[in-house]
């Protein structure tokens, strides 16, 4: 192999690897280290103060997404007193500017997956740790997902709860979706 062929081969490998990495970021398979604007201590709130996850992530009980807590909710506890904590000062700074804390998303499922938090948290009463891992042990926000979820995890959980396929080869019509909420049918989670 001559030098020109070798250089072409190296360039091709670098381009393919770069494209694969970029595609991995785009579909969410490769996590970039997410840095949060405030070093929120889940351990202090969840473990030491015994606050359930839904105290802050209130949308998880009634919505598709759990959402991030609004600044006003945090200030309900942290507005009083003159805190020396730099993180509380940052929180109050956002409030003074009339801004929400720009929390950055850490967990991301593929776009074709539909995961309604309300169904899992309120109806099935699955603990947040089942999917998110031991958040209550963290002194600082995670920079990437503590637990990577796969389709096998979801299937195992549905099987453990003995959810069955109600359509067995049929196409689920929108009017039937309510009856499918507790099923293991593909269309329930895949859109």
C-alpha atoms as a PDB file:
ATOM      1  CA  UNK A   1       0.000   0.000   0.000  1.00  0.00           C
ATOM      2  CA  UNK A   2       1.485   3.342  -1.004  1.00  0.00           C
ATOM      3  CA  UNK A   3       1.515   6.495   1.126  1.00  0.00           C
ATOM      4  CA  UNK A   4      -1.430   8.138  -0.689  1.00  0.00           C
ATOM      5  CA  UNK A   5      -3.635   5.069  -0.111  1.00  0.00           C
ATOM      6  CA  UNK A   6      -2.636   4.990   3.550  1.00  0.00           C
ATOM      7  CA  UNK A   7      -3.478   8.686   4.027  1.00  0.00           C
ATOM      8  CA  UNK A   8      -6.820   8.192   2.265  1.00  0.00           C
ATOM      9  CA  UNK A   9      -7.580   5.241   4.540  1.00  0.00           C
ATOM     10  CA  UNK A  10      -6.767   7.245   7.692  1.00  0.00           C
ATOM     11  CA  UNK A  11      -8.885  10.199   6.533  1.00  0.00           C
ATOM     12  CA  UNK A  12     -11.783   7.858   5.772  1.00  0.00           C
ATOM     13  CA  UNK A  13     -11.553   6.253   9.236  1.00  0.00           C
ATOM     14  CA  UNK A  14     -11.491   9.668  10.943  1.00  0.00           C
ATOM     15  CA  UNK A  15     -14.481  10.920   8.910  1.00  0.00           C
ATOM     16  CA  UNK A  16     -16.545   7.775   9.577  1.00  0.00           C
ATOM     17  CA  UNK A  17     -15.698   7.812  13.308  1.00  0.00           C
ATOM     18  CA  UNK A  18     -16.560  11.523  13.540  1.00  0.00           C
ATOM     19  CA  UNK A  19     -19.860  10.996  11.729  1.00  0.00           C
ATOM     20  CA  UNK A  20     -20.727   8.052  14.001  1.00  0.00           C
ATOM     21  CA  UNK A  21     -19.949  10.108  17.101  1.00  0.00           C
ATOM     22  CA  UNK A  22     -22.004  13.080  15.851  1.00  0.00           C
ATOM     23  CA  UNK A  23     -24.907  10.769  15.036  1.00  0.00           C
ATOM     24  CA  UNK A  24     -24.613   9.201  18.511  1.00  0.00           C
ATOM     25  CA  UNK A  25     -24.929  12.635  20.133  1.00  0.00           C
ATOM     26  CA  UNK A  26     -27.880  13.486  17.887  1.00  0.00           C
ATOM     27  CA  UNK A  27     -29.868  10.360  18.796  1.00  0.00           C
ATOM     28  CA  UNK A  28     -28.865  10.578  22.451  1.00  0.00           C
ATOM     29  CA  UNK A  29     -26.671   7.477  22.680  1.00  0.00           C
ATOM     30  CA  UNK A  30     -23.589   9.447  23.633  1.00  0.00           C
ATOM     31  CA  UNK A  31     -23.954  11.677  26.655  1.00  0.00           C
ATOM     32  CA  UNK A  32     -22.123  14.911  26.847  1.00  0.00           C
ATOM     33  CA  UNK A  33     -21.416  15.865  30.429  1.00  0.00           C
ATOM     34  CA  UNK A  34     -24.297  18.134  31.395  1.00  0.00           C
ATOM     35  CA  UNK A  35     -23.403  20.886  33.834  1.00  0.00           C
ATOM     36  CA  UNK A  36     -26.328  22.314  35.784  1.00  0.00           C
ATOM     37  CA  UNK A  37     -26.514  26.028  36.660  1.00  0.00           C
ATOM     38  CA  UNK A  38     -27.060  25.221  40.347  1.00  0.00           C
ATOM     39  CA  UNK A  39     -25.421  22.381  42.277  1.00  0.00           C
ATOM     40  CA  UNK A  40     -28.705  20.956  43.527  1.00  0.00           C
ATOM     41  CA  UNK A  41     -28.155  18.382  46.320  1.00  0.00           C
ATOM     42  CA  UNK A  42     -30.732  15.618  45.801  1.00  0.00           C
ATOM     43  CA  UNK A  43     -29.325  13.874  48.879  1.00  0.00           C
ATOM     44  CA  UNK A  44     -30.165  16.778  51.184  1.00  0.00           C
ATOM     45  CA  UNK A  45     -33.695  17.176  49.839  1.00  0.00           C
ATOM     46  CA  UNK A  46     -34.688  13.534  49.223  1.00  0.00           C
ATOM     47  CA  UNK A  47     -32.724  11.569  51.828  1.00  0.00           C
ATOM     48  CA  UNK A  48     -32.123  14.016  54.674  1.00  0.00           C
ATOM     49  CA  UNK A  49     -35.371  16.023  54.438  1.00  0.00           C
ATOM     50  CA  UNK A  50     -37.411  13.008  53.210  1.00  0.00           C
ATOM     51  CA  UNK A  51     -39.044  14.977  50.403  1.00  0.00           C
ATOM     52  CA  UNK A  52     -40.557  12.715  47.744  1.00  0.00           C
ATOM     53  CA  UNK A  53     -39.411  13.356  44.166  1.00  0.00           C
ATOM     54  CA  UNK A  54     -42.863  14.712  43.312  1.00  0.00           C
ATOM     55  CA  UNK A  55     -42.442  17.589  45.784  1.00  0.00           C
ATOM     56  CA  UNK A  56     -40.237  19.259  43.191  1.00  0.00           C
ATOM     57  CA  UNK A  57     -41.119  17.304  40.042  1.00  0.00           C
ATOM     58  CA  UNK A  58     -44.849  17.887  40.483  1.00  0.00           C
ATOM     59  CA  UNK A  59     -45.776  17.297  36.856  1.00  0.00           C
ATOM     60  CA  UNK A  60     -44.724  13.624  37.123  1.00  0.00           C
ATOM     61  CA  UNK A  61     -48.017  12.768  38.851  1.00  0.00           C
ATOM     62  CA  UNK A  62     -50.295  14.357  36.270  1.00  0.00           C
ATOM     63  CA  UNK A  63     -48.423  14.853  33.013  1.00  0.00           C
ATOM     64  CA  UNK A  64     -46.419  13.029  30.371  1.00  0.00           C
ATOM     65  CA  UNK A  65     -43.166  14.655  31.495  1.00  0.00           C
ATOM     66  CA  UNK A  66     -41.895  15.074  35.049  1.00  0.00           C
ATOM     67  CA  UNK A  67     -40.502  18.496  34.242  1.00  0.00           C
ATOM     68  CA  UNK A  68     -38.050  20.548  36.185  1.00  0.00           C
ATOM     69  CA  UNK A  69     -39.154  22.526  39.222  1.00  0.00           C
ATOM     70  CA  UNK A  70     -40.045  26.176  38.614  1.00  0.00           C
ATOM     71  CA  UNK A  71     -37.948  28.759  40.441  1.00  0.00           C
ATOM     72  CA  UNK A  72     -40.980  29.889  42.456  1.00  0.00           C
ATOM     73  CA  UNK A  73     -41.382  26.407  43.909  1.00  0.00           C
ATOM     74  CA  UNK A  74     -37.786  26.409  45.162  1.00  0.00           C
ATOM     75  CA  UNK A  75     -38.271  29.871  46.649  1.00  0.00           C
ATOM     76  CA  UNK A  76     -41.235  28.603  48.658  1.00  0.00           C
ATOM     77  CA  UNK A  77     -38.649  27.118  51.025  1.00  0.00           C
ATOM     78  CA  UNK A  78     -35.550  29.132  50.239  1.00  0.00           C
ATOM     79  CA  UNK A  79     -36.785  32.744  50.128  1.00  0.00           C
ATOM     80  CA  UNK A  80     -36.778  33.335  53.873  1.00  0.00           C
ATOM     81  CA  UNK A  81     -33.566  34.255  55.621  1.00  0.00           C
ATOM     82  CA  UNK A  82     -30.218  35.410  54.368  1.00  0.00           C
ATOM     83  CA  UNK A  83     -28.489  32.319  53.082  1.00  0.00           C
ATOM     84  CA  UNK A  84     -24.728  32.167  52.819  1.00  0.00           C
ATOM     85  CA  UNK A  85     -25.002  29.330  50.316  1.00  0.00           C
ATOM     86  CA  UNK A  86     -23.713  30.328  46.875  1.00  0.00           C
ATOM     87  CA  UNK A  87     -26.259  28.005  45.277  1.00  0.00           C
ATOM     88  CA  UNK A  88     -29.196  29.679  47.086  1.00  0.00           C
ATOM     89  CA  UNK A  89     -27.782  33.056  46.026  1.00  0.00           C
ATOM     90  CA  UNK A  90     -27.801  31.833  42.409  1.00  0.00           C
ATOM     91  CA  UNK A  91     -31.418  30.688  42.833  1.00  0.00           C
ATOM     92  CA  UNK A  92     -32.449  34.071  44.224  1.00  0.00           C
ATOM     93  CA  UNK A  93     -30.557  35.771  41.385  1.00  0.00           C
ATOM     94  CA  UNK A  94     -32.705  33.997  38.804  1.00  0.00           C
ATOM     95  CA  UNK A  95     -35.832  34.971  40.746  1.00  0.00           C
ATOM     96  CA  UNK A  96     -34.794  38.631  40.945  1.00  0.00           C
ATOM     97  CA  UNK A  97     -34.403  38.676  37.155  1.00  0.00           C
ATOM     98  CA  UNK A  98     -37.795  36.977  36.740  1.00  0.00           C
ATOM     99  CA  UNK A  99     -36.124  33.961  35.127  1.00  0.00           C
ATOM    100  CA  UNK A 100     -36.511  30.250  35.531  1.00  0.00           C
ATOM    101  CA  UNK A 101     -33.402  28.294  36.445  1.00  0.00           C
ATOM    102  CA  UNK A 102     -32.148  26.980  33.078  1.00  0.00           C
ATOM    103  CA  UNK A 103     -31.914  23.347  34.189  1.00  0.00           C
ATOM    104  CA  UNK A 104     -30.394  21.153  31.504  1.00  0.00           C
ATOM    105  CA  UNK A 105     -31.914  17.868  30.483  1.00  0.00           C
ATOM    106  CA  UNK A 106     -29.970  14.745  31.480  1.00  0.00           C
ATOM    107  CA  UNK A 107     -32.329  11.855  30.646  1.00  0.00           C
ATOM    108  CA  UNK A 108     -33.437  11.508  27.046  1.00  0.00           C
ATOM    109  CA  UNK A 109     -35.314   8.646  25.447  1.00  0.00           C
ATOM    110  CA  UNK A 110     -35.318   8.155  21.672  1.00  0.00           C
ATOM    111  CA  UNK A 111     -37.851  10.361  19.869  1.00  0.00           C
ATOM    112  CA  UNK A 112     -40.026   7.382  18.893  1.00  0.00           C
ATOM    113  CA  UNK A 113     -40.519   6.298  22.531  1.00  0.00           C
ATOM    114  CA  UNK A 114     -43.558   7.586  24.411  1.00  0.00           C
ATOM    115  CA  UNK A 115     -43.102   7.388  28.176  1.00  0.00           C
ATOM    116  CA  UNK A 116     -45.917   9.043  30.163  1.00  0.00           C
ATOM    117  CA  UNK A 117     -44.661   9.725  33.685  1.00  0.00           C
ATOM    118  CA  UNK A 118     -48.229  10.014  35.005  1.00  0.00           C
ATOM    119  CA  UNK A 119     -49.050   6.423  34.030  1.00  0.00           C
ATOM    120  CA  UNK A 120     -45.891   5.054  35.623  1.00  0.00           C
ATOM    121  CA  UNK A 121     -45.768   7.281  38.742  1.00  0.00           C
ATOM    122  CA  UNK A 122     -49.449   7.700  39.641  1.00  0.00           C
ATOM    123  CA  UNK A 123     -51.214   4.701  38.120  1.00  0.00           C
ATOM    124  CA  UNK A 124     -48.541   1.984  38.393  1.00  0.00           C
ATOM    125  CA  UNK A 125     -46.843   3.586  41.422  1.00  0.00           C
ATOM    126  CA  UNK A 126     -43.382   2.739  40.147  1.00  0.00           C
ATOM    127  CA  UNK A 127     -40.644   4.438  42.149  1.00  0.00           C
ATOM    128  CA  UNK A 128     -38.614   7.076  40.345  1.00  0.00           C
ATOM    129  CA  UNK A 129     -35.444   5.148  41.239  1.00  0.00           C
ATOM    130  CA  UNK A 130     -36.585   2.226  39.079  1.00  0.00           C
ATOM    131  CA  UNK A 131     -35.817   4.262  35.962  1.00  0.00           C
ATOM    132  CA  UNK A 132     -33.624   7.096  37.227  1.00  0.00           C
ATOM    133  CA  UNK A 133     -31.400   5.263  39.699  1.00  0.00           C
ATOM    134  CA  UNK A 134     -30.480   6.349  43.249  1.00  0.00           C
ATOM    135  CA  UNK A 135     -30.857  10.123  42.812  1.00  0.00           C
ATOM    136  CA  UNK A 136     -31.335  10.510  46.575  1.00  0.00           C
ATOM    137  CA  UNK A 137     -27.658   9.652  47.104  1.00  0.00           C
ATOM    138  CA  UNK A 138     -26.278  12.531  45.029  1.00  0.00           C
ATOM    139  CA  UNK A 139     -24.629  15.559  46.616  1.00  0.00           C
ATOM    140  CA  UNK A 140     -24.508  17.289  43.208  1.00  0.00           C
ATOM    141  CA  UNK A 141     -26.614  17.041  40.044  1.00  0.00           C
ATOM    142  CA  UNK A 142     -25.760  14.170  37.705  1.00  0.00           C
ATOM    143  CA  UNK A 143     -23.820  15.029  34.562  1.00  0.00           C
ATOM    144  CA  UNK A 144     -25.306  12.046  32.740  1.00  0.00           C
ATOM    145  CA  UNK A 145     -28.061   9.510  33.301  1.00  0.00           C
ATOM    146  CA  UNK A 146     -27.402   7.314  36.356  1.00  0.00           C
ATOM    147  CA  UNK A 147     -29.194   4.444  34.697  1.00  0.00           C
ATOM    148  CA  UNK A 148     -29.395   3.905  30.962  1.00  0.00           C
ATOM    149  CA  UNK A 149     -32.770   2.475  30.048  1.00  0.00           C
ATOM    150  CA  UNK A 150     -33.086  -0.057  27.282  1.00  0.00           C
ATOM    151  CA  UNK A 151     -36.118  -1.633  25.694  1.00  0.00           C
ATOM    152  CA  UNK A 152     -35.202  -4.821  27.575  1.00  0.00           C
ATOM    153  CA  UNK A 153     -35.615  -2.917  30.871  1.00  0.00           C
ATOM    154  CA  UNK A 154     -39.089  -1.766  29.843  1.00  0.00           C
ATOM    155  CA  UNK A 155     -40.133  -5.212  28.611  1.00  0.00           C
ATOM    156  CA  UNK A 156     -38.888  -6.841  31.836  1.00  0.00           C
ATOM    157  CA  UNK A 157     -40.827  -4.330  33.940  1.00  0.00           C
ATOM    158  CA  UNK A 158     -44.024  -4.852  31.920  1.00  0.00           C
ATOM    159  CA  UNK A 159     -43.563  -8.642  32.130  1.00  0.00           C
ATOM    160  CA  UNK A 160     -42.967  -8.460  35.890  1.00  0.00           C
ATOM    161  CA  UNK A 161     -46.298  -6.673  36.245  1.00  0.00           C
ATOM    162  CA  UNK A 162     -47.929  -9.264  33.969  1.00  0.00           C
ATOM    163  CA  UNK A 163     -49.082  -6.724  31.383  1.00  0.00           C
ATOM    164  CA  UNK A 164     -50.392  -8.478  28.316  1.00  0.00           C
ATOM    165  CA  UNK A 165     -50.765  -7.677  24.657  1.00  0.00           C
ATOM    166  CA  UNK A 166     -54.413  -6.923  24.058  1.00  0.00           C
ATOM    167  CA  UNK A 167     -54.244  -6.272  20.340  1.00  0.00           C
ATOM    168  CA  UNK A 168     -52.193  -9.321  19.245  1.00  0.00           C
ATOM    169  CA  UNK A 169     -51.585  -8.384  15.638  1.00  0.00           C
ATOM    170  CA  UNK A 170     -54.340  -5.795  15.370  1.00  0.00           C
ATOM    171  CA  UNK A 171     -53.787  -2.118  14.722  1.00  0.00           C
ATOM    172  CA  UNK A 172     -54.723  -0.023  17.724  1.00  0.00           C
ATOM    173  CA  UNK A 173     -57.157   2.712  16.813  1.00  0.00           C
ATOM    174  CA  UNK A 174     -57.063   6.021  18.727  1.00  0.00           C
ATOM    175  CA  UNK A 175     -60.379   5.132  20.410  1.00  0.00           C
ATOM    176  CA  UNK A 176     -58.776   1.984  21.838  1.00  0.00           C
ATOM    177  CA  UNK A 177     -55.708   3.701  23.268  1.00  0.00           C
ATOM    178  CA  UNK A 178     -57.279   4.121  26.708  1.00  0.00           C
ATOM    179  CA  UNK A 179     -57.654   0.352  27.030  1.00  0.00           C
ATOM    180  CA  UNK A 180     -54.032  -0.128  25.950  1.00  0.00           C
ATOM    181  CA  UNK A 181     -52.482   2.039  28.658  1.00  0.00           C
ATOM    182  CA  UNK A 182     -51.668  -0.960  30.823  1.00  0.00           C
ATOM    183  CA  UNK A 183     -50.734  -3.299  28.024  1.00  0.00           C
ATOM    184  CA  UNK A 184     -47.435  -4.487  26.642  1.00  0.00           C
ATOM    185  CA  UNK A 185     -48.457  -3.686  23.067  1.00  0.00           C
ATOM    186  CA  UNK A 186     -45.736  -2.054  20.997  1.00  0.00           C
ATOM    187  CA  UNK A 187     -47.970   0.872  20.009  1.00  0.00           C
ATOM    188  CA  UNK A 188     -48.379   1.933  23.641  1.00  0.00           C
ATOM    189  CA  UNK A 189     -44.733   3.017  23.886  1.00  0.00           C
ATOM    190  CA  UNK A 190     -43.586   3.285  20.257  1.00  0.00           C
ATOM    191  CA  UNK A 191     -44.925   6.173  18.165  1.00  0.00           C
END
